C-alpha atoms as a PDB file:
ATOM      1  CA  UNK A   1       0.093  -0.030  -0.104  1.00  0.00           C
ATOM      2  CA  UNK A   2       1.340   3.457  -0.868  1.00  0.00           C
ATOM      3  CA  UNK A   3       2.010   6.135   1.903  1.00  0.00           C
ATOM      4  CA  UNK A   4      -0.943   8.052   3.463  1.00  0.00           C
ATOM      5  CA  UNK A   5      -0.242  11.343   1.453  1.00  0.00           C
ATOM      6  CA  UNK A   6      -1.252   9.691  -1.886  1.00  0.00           C
ATOM      7  CA  UNK A   7      -4.906   9.430  -2.887  1.00  0.00           C
ATOM      8  CA  UNK A   8      -4.733   5.777  -4.343  1.00  0.00           C
ATOM      9  CA  UNK A   9      -3.478   4.494  -1.018  1.00  0.00           C
ATOM     10  CA  UNK A  10      -5.979   6.307   1.199  1.00  0.00           C
ATOM     11  CA  UNK A  11      -8.884   4.845  -0.748  1.00  0.00           C
ATOM     12  CA  UNK A  12     -12.284   6.036  -1.521  1.00  0.00           C
ATOM     13  CA  UNK A  13     -13.044   7.151   2.037  1.00  0.00           C
ATOM     14  CA  UNK A  14     -10.099   9.654   1.888  1.00  0.00           C
ATOM     15  CA  UNK A  15     -10.886  10.684  -1.554  1.00  0.00           C
ATOM     16  CA  UNK A  16     -14.706  11.535  -0.507  1.00  0.00           C
ATOM     17  CA  UNK A  17     -13.375  13.208   2.684  1.00  0.00           C
ATOM     18  CA  UNK A  18     -11.507  15.882   0.380  1.00  0.00           C
ATOM     19  CA  UNK A  19     -14.726  17.684   0.535  1.00  0.00           C
ATOM     20  CA  UNK A  20     -16.376  18.225   3.985  1.00  0.00           C
ATOM     21  CA  UNK A  21     -19.867  18.755   3.199  1.00  0.00           C
ATOM     22  CA  UNK A  22     -20.997  18.481   6.726  1.00  0.00           C
ATOM     23  CA  UNK A  23     -23.881  16.150   5.640  1.00  0.00           C
ATOM     24  CA  UNK A  24     -23.649  12.869   7.499  1.00  0.00           C
ATOM     25  CA  UNK A  25     -25.964  10.134   7.016  1.00  0.00           C
ATOM     26  CA  UNK A  26     -28.103  11.032   9.850  1.00  0.00           C
ATOM     27  CA  UNK A  27     -29.031  14.315   8.223  1.00  0.00           C
ATOM     28  CA  UNK A  28     -30.393  12.488   5.148  1.00  0.00           C
ATOM     29  CA  UNK A  29     -34.135  12.055   5.120  1.00  0.00           C
ATOM     30  CA  UNK A  30     -36.008   9.910   2.741  1.00  0.00           C
ATOM     31  CA  UNK A  31     -37.985   6.579   2.447  1.00  0.00           C
ATOM     32  CA  UNK A  32     -35.090   4.357   1.343  1.00  0.00           C
ATOM     33  CA  UNK A  33     -34.040   1.715   3.767  1.00  0.00           C
ATOM     34  CA  UNK A  34     -30.916   2.362   5.935  1.00  0.00           C
ATOM     35  CA  UNK A  35     -28.753  -0.262   7.256  1.00  0.00           C
ATOM     36  CA  UNK A  36     -26.634  -0.074  10.467  1.00  0.00           C
ATOM     37  CA  UNK A  37     -23.488   1.025   8.711  1.00  0.00           C
ATOM     38  CA  UNK A  38     -25.257   4.159   6.908  1.00  0.00           C
ATOM     39  CA  UNK A  39     -25.750   2.556   3.511  1.00  0.00           C
ATOM     40  CA  UNK A  40     -29.162   3.050   1.866  1.00  0.00           C
ATOM     41  CA  UNK A  41     -30.832   0.363  -0.154  1.00  0.00           C
ATOM     42  CA  UNK A  42     -32.145   2.752  -3.224  1.00  0.00           C
ATOM     43  CA  UNK A  43     -34.754   2.071  -5.806  1.00  0.00           C
ATOM     44  CA  UNK A  44     -32.497   1.483  -8.753  1.00  0.00           C
ATOM     45  CA  UNK A  45     -34.877   3.048 -11.187  1.00  0.00           C
ATOM     46  CA  UNK A  46     -34.141   6.677  -9.330  1.00  0.00           C
ATOM     47  CA  UNK A  47     -30.379   6.123 -10.121  1.00  0.00           C
ATOM     48  CA  UNK A  48     -28.658   7.619 -13.250  1.00  0.00           C
ATOM     49  CA  UNK A  49     -25.231   7.816 -14.449  1.00  0.00           C
ATOM     50  CA  UNK A  50     -22.965  10.672 -14.422  1.00  0.00           C
ATOM     51  CA  UNK A  51     -22.770  12.282 -17.808  1.00  0.00           C
ATOM     52  CA  UNK A  52     -19.475  13.667 -17.036  1.00  0.00           C
ATOM     53  CA  UNK A  53     -18.062  10.027 -16.407  1.00  0.00           C
ATOM     54  CA  UNK A  54     -14.647  10.040 -18.037  1.00  0.00           C
ATOM     55  CA  UNK A  55     -15.186   6.124 -18.662  1.00  0.00           C
ATOM     56  CA  UNK A  56     -17.272   5.783 -21.900  1.00  0.00           C
ATOM     57  CA  UNK A  57     -16.658   2.072 -22.694  1.00  0.00           C
ATOM     58  CA  UNK A  58     -17.655  -0.838 -20.641  1.00  0.00           C
ATOM     59  CA  UNK A  59     -16.767  -4.232 -21.732  1.00  0.00           C
ATOM     60  CA  UNK A  60     -19.698  -6.257 -22.191  1.00  0.00           C
ATOM     61  CA  UNK A  61     -18.407  -9.615 -21.268  1.00  0.00           C
ATOM     62  CA  UNK A  62     -16.742  -8.059 -18.029  1.00  0.00           C
ATOM     63  CA  UNK A  63     -20.183  -6.594 -17.264  1.00  0.00           C
ATOM     64  CA  UNK A  64     -21.787 -10.102 -17.641  1.00  0.00           C
ATOM     65  CA  UNK A  65     -19.393 -11.549 -15.350  1.00  0.00           C
ATOM     66  CA  UNK A  66     -19.996  -9.146 -12.606  1.00  0.00           C
ATOM     67  CA  UNK A  67     -23.412  -9.611 -13.048  1.00  0.00           C
ATOM     68  CA  UNK A  68     -23.059 -13.392 -12.668  1.00  0.00           C
ATOM     69  CA  UNK A  69     -21.043 -12.646  -9.284  1.00  0.00           C
ATOM     70  CA  UNK A  70     -23.799 -10.406  -7.958  1.00  0.00           C
ATOM     71  CA  UNK A  71     -26.363 -12.875  -8.525  1.00  0.00           C
ATOM     72  CA  UNK A  72     -24.380 -14.969  -6.072  1.00  0.00           C
ATOM     73  CA  UNK A  73     -22.855 -12.869  -3.644  1.00  0.00           C
ATOM     74  CA  UNK A  74     -24.680  -9.498  -3.871  1.00  0.00           C
ATOM     75  CA  UNK A  75     -23.113  -6.064  -4.251  1.00  0.00           C
ATOM     76  CA  UNK A  76     -20.187  -6.213  -1.853  1.00  0.00           C
ATOM     77  CA  UNK A  77     -19.132  -2.403  -2.336  1.00  0.00           C
ATOM     78  CA  UNK A  78     -21.996   0.063  -2.240  1.00  0.00           C
ATOM     79  CA  UNK A  79     -22.093   2.653  -5.031  1.00  0.00           C
ATOM     80  CA  UNK A  80     -21.663   6.323  -4.138  1.00  0.00           C
ATOM     81  CA  UNK A  81     -24.296   8.729  -5.344  1.00  0.00           C
ATOM     82  CA  UNK A  82     -25.277  12.382  -5.054  1.00  0.00           C
ATOM     83  CA  UNK A  83     -28.852  13.301  -4.011  1.00  0.00           C
ATOM     84  CA  UNK A  84     -30.523  15.592  -6.354  1.00  0.00           C
ATOM     85  CA  UNK A  85     -33.270  17.897  -5.726  1.00  0.00           C
ATOM     86  CA  UNK A  86     -35.917  16.056  -7.905  1.00  0.00           C
ATOM     87  CA  UNK A  87     -35.535  12.976  -5.541  1.00  0.00           C
ATOM     88  CA  UNK A  88     -33.225  11.068  -8.133  1.00  0.00           C
ATOM     89  CA  UNK A  89     -29.442  10.135  -7.558  1.00  0.00           C
ATOM     90  CA  UNK A  90     -26.492  10.609  -9.796  1.00  0.00           C
ATOM     91  CA  UNK A  91     -23.810   8.214  -9.647  1.00  0.00           C
ATOM     92  CA  UNK A  92     -20.346   9.414  -8.253  1.00  0.00           C
ATOM     93  CA  UNK A  93     -18.565   6.192  -8.110  1.00  0.00           C
ATOM     94  CA  UNK A  94     -19.859   2.659  -9.106  1.00  0.00           C
ATOM     95  CA  UNK A  95     -21.362   3.018 -12.612  1.00  0.00           C
ATOM     96  CA  UNK A  96     -20.263  -0.368 -13.537  1.00  0.00           C
ATOM     97  CA  UNK A  97     -21.679  -2.083 -10.323  1.00  0.00           C
ATOM     98  CA  UNK A  98     -25.033  -0.250 -11.085  1.00  0.00           C
ATOM     99  CA  UNK A  99     -24.987  -1.370 -14.735  1.00  0.00           C
ATOM    100  CA  UNK A 100     -24.462  -4.912 -13.603  1.00  0.00           C
ATOM    101  CA  UNK A 101     -27.219  -4.838 -11.126  1.00  0.00           C
ATOM    102  CA  UNK A 102     -29.739  -3.738 -13.963  1.00  0.00           C
ATOM    103  CA  UNK A 103     -28.395  -6.820 -15.881  1.00  0.00           C
ATOM    104  CA  UNK A 104     -29.437  -8.969 -12.815  1.00  0.00           C
ATOM    105  CA  UNK A 105     -32.803  -7.359 -12.394  1.00  0.00           C
ATOM    106  CA  UNK A 106     -32.220  -5.958  -9.168  1.00  0.00           C
ATOM    107  CA  UNK A 107     -34.779  -3.693  -7.772  1.00  0.00           C
ATOM    108  CA  UNK A 108     -32.505  -1.721  -5.146  1.00  0.00           C
ATOM    109  CA  UNK A 109     -28.781  -0.958  -4.933  1.00  0.00           C
ATOM    110  CA  UNK A 110     -26.721  -0.275  -1.954  1.00  0.00           C
ATOM    111  CA  UNK A 111     -25.517   3.144  -1.882  1.00  0.00           C
ATOM    112  CA  UNK A 112     -23.674   5.828   0.204  1.00  0.00           C
ATOM    113  CA  UNK A 113     -25.552   9.135  -0.439  1.00  0.00           C
ATOM    114  CA  UNK A 114     -23.595  12.555  -0.390  1.00  0.00           C
ATOM    115  CA  UNK A 115     -24.601  16.274  -1.178  1.00  0.00           C
ATOM    116  CA  UNK A 116     -22.017  17.793  -3.319  1.00  0.00           C
ATOM    117  CA  UNK A 117     -21.975  20.529  -5.483  1.00  0.00           C
ATOM    118  CA  UNK A 118     -21.913  19.995  -9.339  1.00  0.00           C
ATOM    119  CA  UNK A 119     -18.307  21.100  -9.513  1.00  0.00           C
ATOM    120  CA  UNK A 120     -17.298  18.672  -6.526  1.00  0.00           C
ATOM    121  CA  UNK A 121     -19.267  15.968  -8.285  1.00  0.00           C
ATOM    122  CA  UNK A 122     -17.490  16.384 -11.431  1.00  0.00           C
ATOM    123  CA  UNK A 123     -13.935  16.487  -9.855  1.00  0.00           C
ATOM    124  CA  UNK A 124     -14.497  13.494  -7.506  1.00  0.00           C
ATOM    125  CA  UNK A 125     -15.764  11.524 -10.617  1.00  0.00           C
ATOM    126  CA  UNK A 126     -12.718  12.126 -12.664  1.00  0.00           C
ATOM    127  CA  UNK A 127     -10.354  11.374  -9.627  1.00  0.00           C
ATOM    128  CA  UNK A 128     -12.221   8.222  -8.546  1.00  0.00           C
ATOM    129  CA  UNK A 129     -11.861   6.980 -12.201  1.00  0.00           C
ATOM    130  CA  UNK A 130      -8.369   7.922 -12.529  1.00  0.00           C
ATOM    131  CA  UNK A 131      -7.510   5.866  -9.232  1.00  0.00           C
ATOM    132  CA  UNK A 132      -8.794   2.981 -11.079  1.00  0.00           C
ATOM    133  CA  UNK A 133      -6.886   0.508 -13.566  1.00  0.00           C
ATOM    134  CA  UNK A 134      -9.739  -0.002 -15.950  1.00  0.00           C
ATOM    135  CA  UNK A 135      -9.691   3.302 -17.972  1.00  0.00           C
ATOM    136  CA  UNK A 136      -7.935   2.959 -21.191  1.00  0.00           C
ATOM    137  CA  UNK A 137      -4.791   5.281 -21.645  1.00  0.00           C
ATOM    138  CA  UNK A 138      -6.587   7.899 -23.891  1.00  0.00           C
ATOM    139  CA  UNK A 139      -9.703   8.272 -21.511  1.00  0.00           C
ATOM    140  CA  UNK A 140      -7.237   8.498 -18.663  1.00  0.00           C
ATOM    141  CA  UNK A 141      -5.275  11.222 -20.726  1.00  0.00           C
ATOM    142  CA  UNK A 142      -8.502  13.219 -21.533  1.00  0.00           C
ATOM    143  CA  UNK A 143      -9.563  12.940 -17.739  1.00  0.00           C
ATOM    144  CA  UNK A 144      -6.170  14.409 -16.761  1.00  0.00           C
ATOM    145  CA  UNK A 145      -6.312  17.171 -19.082  1.00  0.00           C
ATOM    146  CA  UNK A 146      -9.963  17.951 -18.317  1.00  0.00           C
ATOM    147  CA  UNK A 147      -8.801  18.170 -14.428  1.00  0.00           C
ATOM    148  CA  UNK A 148      -6.077  20.498 -15.448  1.00  0.00           C
ATOM    149  CA  UNK A 149      -8.105  22.685 -17.842  1.00  0.00           C
ATOM    150  CA  UNK A 150     -11.348  23.027 -15.523  1.00  0.00           C
ATOM    151  CA  UNK A 151      -9.814  23.392 -11.950  1.00  0.00           C
ATOM    152  CA  UNK A 152      -6.466  24.937 -13.111  1.00  0.00           C
ATOM    153  CA  UNK A 153      -4.332  21.832 -11.641  1.00  0.00           C
ATOM    154  CA  UNK A 154      -0.800  21.425 -12.211  1.00  0.00           C
ATOM    155  CA  UNK A 155       0.730  18.103 -13.225  1.00  0.00           C
ATOM    156  CA  UNK A 156       2.342  18.089  -9.516  1.00  0.00           C
ATOM    157  CA  UNK A 157      -1.290  18.572  -7.997  1.00  0.00           C
ATOM    158  CA  UNK A 158      -2.780  15.975 -10.212  1.00  0.00           C
ATOM    159  CA  UNK A 159       0.010  13.657  -9.266  1.00  0.00           C
ATOM    160  CA  UNK A 160      -0.682  14.008  -5.495  1.00  0.00           C
ATOM    161  CA  UNK A 161      -4.537  13.863  -6.034  1.00  0.00           C
ATOM    162  CA  UNK A 162      -4.400  10.525  -7.772  1.00  0.00           C
ATOM    163  CA  UNK A 163      -1.318   8.935  -6.324  1.00  0.00           C
ATOM    164  CA  UNK A 164       0.628   8.716  -9.733  1.00  0.00           C
ATOM    165  CA  UNK A 165       4.111  10.048 -10.399  1.00  0.00           C
ATOM    166  CA  UNK A 166       4.454  13.242 -12.080  1.00  0.00           C
ATOM    167  CA  UNK A 167       6.371  11.469 -15.086  1.00  0.00           C
ATOM    168  CA  UNK A 168       3.360   9.108 -15.554  1.00  0.00           C
ATOM    169  CA  UNK A 169       1.067  12.075 -15.674  1.00  0.00           C
ATOM    170  CA  UNK A 170       3.351  13.736 -18.359  1.00  0.00           C
ATOM    171  CA  UNK A 171       3.656  10.462 -20.207  1.00  0.00           C
ATOM    172  CA  UNK A 172      -0.038   9.790 -20.259  1.00  0.00           C
ATOM    173  CA  UNK A 173      -0.909  13.587 -21.276  1.00  0.00           C
ATOM    174  CA  UNK A 174       1.529  13.139 -24.445  1.00  0.00           C
ATOM    175  CA  UNK A 175      -0.762  10.420 -25.772  1.00  0.00           C
ATOM    176  CA  UNK A 176      -3.130  13.136 -26.823  1.00  0.00           C
ATOM    177  CA  UNK A 177      -0.449  14.494 -29.328  1.00  0.00           C
ATOM    178  CA  UNK A 178      -0.998  11.426 -31.362  1.00  0.00           C
ATOM    179  CA  UNK A 179      -2.823  11.523 -34.557  1.00  0.00           C
ATOM    180  CA  UNK A 180      -6.442  10.530 -34.408  1.00  0.00           C
ATOM    181  CA  UNK A 181      -6.057   7.297 -36.225  1.00  0.00           C
ATOM    182  CA  UNK A 182      -3.397   6.045 -33.804  1.00  0.00           C
ATOM    183  CA  UNK A 183      -5.376   7.305 -30.767  1.00  0.00           C
ATOM    184  CA  UNK A 184      -8.336   5.206 -32.208  1.00  0.00           C
ATOM    185  CA  UNK A 185      -6.268   2.092 -32.109  1.00  0.00           C
ATOM    186  CA  UNK A 186      -5.360   2.758 -28.326  1.00  0.00           C
ATOM    187  CA  UNK A 187      -8.902   3.390 -27.524  1.00  0.00           C
ATOM    188  CA  UNK A 188      -9.958   0.151 -28.896  1.00  0.00           C
ATOM    189  CA  UNK A 189      -6.951  -2.022 -27.377  1.00  0.00           C
ATOM    190  CA  UNK A 190      -4.953  -2.626 -30.465  1.00  0.00           C
ATOM    191  CA  UNK A 191      -2.250  -0.714 -29.162  1.00  0.00           C
ATOM    192  CA  UNK A 192      -1.046  -0.676 -25.595  1.00  0.00           C
ATOM    193  CA  UNK A 193      -0.011   2.733 -23.897  1.00  0.00           C
ATOM    194  CA  UNK A 194       3.600   1.696 -24.211  1.00  0.00           C
ATOM    195  CA  UNK A 195       3.341   1.246 -27.959  1.00  0.00           C
ATOM    196  CA  UNK A 196       1.687   4.676 -28.050  1.00  0.00           C
ATOM    197  CA  UNK A 197       4.310   6.316 -25.943  1.00  0.00           C
ATOM    198  CA  UNK A 198       7.075   5.015 -28.504  1.00  0.00           C
ATOM    199  CA  UNK A 199       5.222   6.837 -31.367  1.00  0.00           C
ATOM    200  CA  UNK A 200       4.763  10.199 -29.889  1.00  0.00           C
ATOM    201  CA  UNK A 201       8.209  11.096 -31.123  1.00  0.00           C
ATOM    202  CA  UNK A 202       7.224  10.458 -34.642  1.00  0.00           C
ATOM    203  CA  UNK A 203       5.768  13.662 -36.246  1.00  0.00           C
ATOM    204  CA  UNK A 204       5.178  12.636 -39.484  1.00  0.00           C
ATOM    205  CA  UNK A 205       1.575  11.638 -39.869  1.00  0.00           C
ATOM    206  CA  UNK A 206       1.890   9.045 -42.500  1.00  0.00           C
ATOM    207  CA  UNK A 207       4.799   7.547 -40.810  1.00  0.00           C
ATOM    208  CA  UNK A 208       3.328   7.339 -37.362  1.00  0.00           C
ATOM    209  CA  UNK A 209       0.129   5.776 -38.559  1.00  0.00           C
ATOM    210  CA  UNK A 210       2.217   3.353 -40.902  1.00  0.00           C
ATOM    211  CA  UNK A 211       4.553   2.208 -37.810  1.00  0.00           C
ATOM    212  CA  UNK A 212       1.366   1.649 -35.593  1.00  0.00           C
ATOM    213  CA  UNK A 213      -0.346  -0.466 -38.402  1.00  0.00           C
ATOM    214  CA  UNK A 214       2.866  -2.580 -38.599  1.00  0.00           C
ATOM    215  CA  UNK A 215       2.994  -2.850 -34.883  1.00  0.00           C
ATOM    216  CA  UNK A 216      -0.648  -3.906 -34.674  1.00  0.00           C
ATOM    217  CA  UNK A 217      -0.414  -6.499 -37.658  1.00  0.00           C
ATOM    218  CA  UNK A 218       2.867  -7.964 -36.650  1.00  0.00           C
ATOM    219  CA  UNK A 219       1.837  -8.079 -32.936  1.00  0.00           C
ATOM    220  CA  UNK A 220       5.239  -6.394 -32.162  1.00  0.00           C
ATOM    221  CA  UNK A 221       6.470  -6.126 -28.613  1.00  0.00           C
ATOM    222  CA  UNK A 222       7.013  -2.645 -27.270  1.00  0.00           C
ATOM    223  CA  UNK A 223      10.689  -3.150 -27.490  1.00  0.00           C
ATOM    224  CA  UNK A 224      10.570  -4.138 -31.012  1.00  0.00           C
ATOM    225  CA  UNK A 225       8.609  -1.116 -31.897  1.00  0.00           C
ATOM    226  CA  UNK A 226      10.829   1.086 -29.912  1.00  0.00           C
ATOM    227  CA  UNK A 227      13.734  -0.350 -32.366  1.00  0.00           C
ATOM    228  CA  UNK A 228      11.587   0.408 -35.468  1.00  0.00           C
ATOM    229  CA  UNK A 229      11.040   3.826 -34.182  1.00  0.00           C
ATOM    230  CA  UNK A 230      14.830   4.481 -33.313  1.00  0.00           C
ATOM    231  CA  UNK A 231      15.702   3.130 -36.827  1.00  0.00           C
ATOM    232  CA  UNK A 232      13.282   5.630 -38.526  1.00  0.00           C
ATOM    233  CA  UNK A 233      14.403   8.698 -36.389  1.00  0.00           C
ATOM    234  CA  UNK A 234      18.232   7.736 -36.777  1.00  0.00           C
ATOM    235  CA  UNK A 235      18.699   5.881 -39.749  1.00  0.00           C
ATOM    236  CA  UNK A 236      22.248   4.080 -39.917  1.00  0.00           C
ATOM    237  CA  UNK A 237      22.407   2.241 -43.015  1.00  0.00           C
ATOM    238  CA  UNK A 238      22.027   5.030 -45.691  1.00  0.00           C
ATOM    239  CA  UNK A 239      22.375   4.001 -49.400  1.00  0.00           C
ATOM    240  CA  UNK A 240      24.969   5.969 -51.113  1.00  0.00           C
ATOM    241  CA  UNK A 241      24.576   6.266 -54.805  1.00  0.00           C
ATOM    242  CA  UNK A 242      27.859   6.612 -56.604  1.00  0.00           C
ATOM    243  CA  UNK A 243      27.621   9.347 -59.203  1.00  0.00           C
ATOM    244  CA  UNK A 244      29.315   8.875 -62.555  1.00  0.00           C
ATOM    245  CA  UNK A 245      31.940  11.238 -63.107  1.00  0.00           C
ATOM    246  CA  UNK A 246      32.915  12.513 -66.809  1.00  0.00           C
ATOM    247  CA  UNK A 247      36.234  12.245 -68.354  1.00  0.00           C
ATOM    248  CA  UNK A 248      36.690  16.141 -68.168  1.00  0.00           C
ATOM    249  CA  UNK A 249      36.296  16.045 -64.470  1.00  0.00           C
ATOM    250  CA  UNK A 250      38.491  13.053 -63.814  1.00  0.00           C
ATOM    251  CA  UNK A 251      41.128  14.917 -66.046  1.00  0.00           C
ATOM    252  CA  UNK A 252      40.743  18.077 -64.002  1.00  0.00           C
ATOM    253  CA  UNK A 253      41.293  15.944 -60.809  1.00  0.00           C
ATOM    254  CA  UNK A 254      44.450  14.669 -62.316  1.00  0.00           C
ATOM    255  CA  UNK A 255      45.804  17.796 -63.351  1.00  0.00           C
ATOM    256  CA  UNK A 256      45.058  19.422 -59.810  1.00  0.00           C
ATOM    257  CA  UNK A 257      47.082  16.589 -58.082  1.00  0.00           C
ATOM    258  CA  UNK A 258      50.095  17.165 -60.229  1.00  0.00           C
ATOM    259  CA  UNK A 259      49.627  21.053 -59.597  1.00  0.00           C
ATOM    260  CA  UNK A 260      49.487  20.517 -55.794  1.00  0.00           C
ATOM    261  CA  UNK A 261      51.749  17.462 -55.601  1.00  0.00           C
ATOM    262  CA  UNK A 262      49.214  15.845 -53.118  1.00  0.00           C
ATOM    263  CA  UNK A 263      46.068  13.801 -53.242  1.00  0.00           C
ATOM    264  CA  UNK A 264      43.080  15.405 -54.782  1.00  0.00           C
ATOM    265  CA  UNK A 265      39.515  13.729 -54.805  1.00  0.00           C
ATOM    266  CA  UNK A 266      36.207  14.610 -55.931  1.00  0.00           C
ATOM    267  CA  UNK A 267      32.610  13.728 -54.949  1.00  0.00           C
ATOM    268  CA  UNK A 268      29.802  14.291 -57.265  1.00  0.00           C
ATOM    269  CA  UNK A 269      29.491  15.017 -61.083  1.00  0.00           C
ATOM    270  CA  UNK A 270      29.858  17.692 -63.586  1.00  0.00           C
ATOM    271  CA  UNK A 271      26.739  19.590 -62.131  1.00  0.00           C
ATOM    272  CA  UNK A 272      27.398  19.392 -58.204  1.00  0.00           C
ATOM    273  CA  UNK A 273      29.895  18.224 -55.944  1.00  0.00           C
ATOM    274  CA  UNK A 274      32.931  18.560 -53.587  1.00  0.00           C
ATOM    275  CA  UNK A 275      36.678  18.596 -54.387  1.00  0.00           C
ATOM    276  CA  UNK A 276      38.940  17.660 -51.402  1.00  0.00           C
ATOM    277  CA  UNK A 277      42.733  18.741 -51.261  1.00  0.00           C
ATOM    278  CA  UNK A 278      44.681  16.504 -48.858  1.00  0.00           C
ATOM    279  CA  UNK A 279      47.650  17.664 -46.619  1.00  0.00           C
ATOM    280  CA  UNK A 280      49.411  15.503 -44.262  1.00  0.00           C
ATOM    281  CA  UNK A 281      51.549  18.094 -42.200  1.00  0.00           C
ATOM    282  CA  UNK A 282      51.549  21.798 -41.154  1.00  0.00           C
ATOM    283  CA  UNK A 283      54.584  22.188 -43.613  1.00  0.00           C
ATOM    284  CA  UNK A 284      52.460  20.562 -46.341  1.00  0.00           C
ATOM    285  CA  UNK A 285      49.556  23.096 -45.737  1.00  0.00           C
ATOM    286  CA  UNK A 286      51.847  26.056 -45.694  1.00  0.00           C
ATOM    287  CA  UNK A 287      53.237  24.760 -49.120  1.00  0.00           C
ATOM    288  CA  UNK A 288      49.743  24.352 -50.656  1.00  0.00           C
ATOM    289  CA  UNK A 289      48.970  27.851 -49.386  1.00  0.00           C
ATOM    290  CA  UNK A 290      51.972  29.465 -50.807  1.00  0.00           C
ATOM    291  CA  UNK A 291      51.427  27.746 -54.068  1.00  0.00           C
ATOM    292  CA  UNK A 292      48.022  29.280 -54.336  1.00  0.00           C
ATOM    293  CA  UNK A 293      49.352  32.596 -53.427  1.00  0.00           C
ATOM    294  CA  UNK A 294      51.807  32.376 -56.365  1.00  0.00           C
ATOM    295  CA  UNK A 295      49.248  31.163 -58.771  1.00  0.00           C
ATOM    296  CA  UNK A 296      46.979  33.873 -57.813  1.00  0.00           C
ATOM    297  CA  UNK A 297      49.502  36.442 -58.634  1.00  0.00           C
ATOM    298  CA  UNK A 298      50.457  34.614 -61.803  1.00  0.00           C
ATOM    299  CA  UNK A 299      54.203  34.804 -61.051  1.00  0.00           C
ATOM    300  CA  UNK A 300      54.609  31.211 -61.858  1.00  0.00           C
ATOM    301  CA  UNK A 301      55.199  29.467 -65.094  1.00  0.00           C
ATOM    302  CA  UNK A 302      54.577  25.797 -65.768  1.00  0.00           C
ATOM    303  CA  UNK A 303      58.591  25.244 -65.338  1.00  0.00           C
ATOM    304  CA  UNK A 304      58.396  27.110 -62.250  1.00  0.00           C
ATOM    305  CA  UNK A 305      55.804  25.076 -60.829  1.00  0.00           C
ATOM    306  CA  UNK A 306      57.371  21.894 -61.408  1.00  0.00           C
ATOM    307  CA  UNK A 307      60.732  23.145 -59.923  1.00  0.00           C
ATOM    308  CA  UNK A 308      58.786  24.508 -56.945  1.00  0.00           C
ATOM    309  CA  UNK A 309      57.145  21.110 -56.369  1.00  0.00           C
ATOM    310  CA  UNK A 310      60.470  19.227 -56.719  1.00  0.00           C
ATOM    311  CA  UNK A 311      62.265  21.659 -54.392  1.00  0.00           C
ATOM    312  CA  UNK A 312      59.314  21.630 -51.586  1.00  0.00           C
ATOM    313  CA  UNK A 313      58.852  17.910 -51.623  1.00  0.00           C
ATOM    314  CA  UNK A 314      62.403  16.894 -50.688  1.00  0.00           C
END
């Protein structure tokens, strides 16, 4: 269990204790049946889901499994609802249990009733969902962004509220920068959060989607996808196409080698390229520089050049 200063470790009691509404169970007046521990049995038809629930997708198979369990054991943990002025109740936590109870055909559902403001309900609902592990990564990212945008919270504060590291919050938010096609793959479970994080660094839309599709079709591990992305970002095996050089360019290079009395090479062709003149010592560099200076002044004949190279190369 995590330390007491983290929301996840403290559990739902601490989470709902964030807001002191001074409305204990004894202050609630209604015709529902109250048990000894303050949990009410509420008419299931009076309970409605929260429209701001971050979780939008509920696995039908998982709901049916939960419904089967509820038929045998009942609802072990009560849902948490907010009492509304029209006599109905909006779910703050436990929509999945409520849905499964409906599948079972239950008439009532055990609930803890709270009287929170609309803003408090919205924030608690988001935080409660983020503390659970069954939100898909995109739902979690959107919920975190909603918390930050609507309540002006920093990543650090969100981290403290839901009991996750700041780096986890940052990495989750980065998933929202993916292109829509890739986000869809994550939402439906084709790509994991780990795969998605690999693809965030790929800025080109076509390449990002292509890599995601390869990862799905070939069932790549996160490590394999990391290697593919690394190779895309930093290609090491570039194909060098050797360009054909004309006889005139080759002759020019030979002439320059004779003139400078050192190795001269060229990369490219007659239209574009580079010429390299090698030198091997400081004296060699000084010799080439002096030679260029004399040639520039046109003070050297061909015979002078040959004599100069013989003299300086000794």
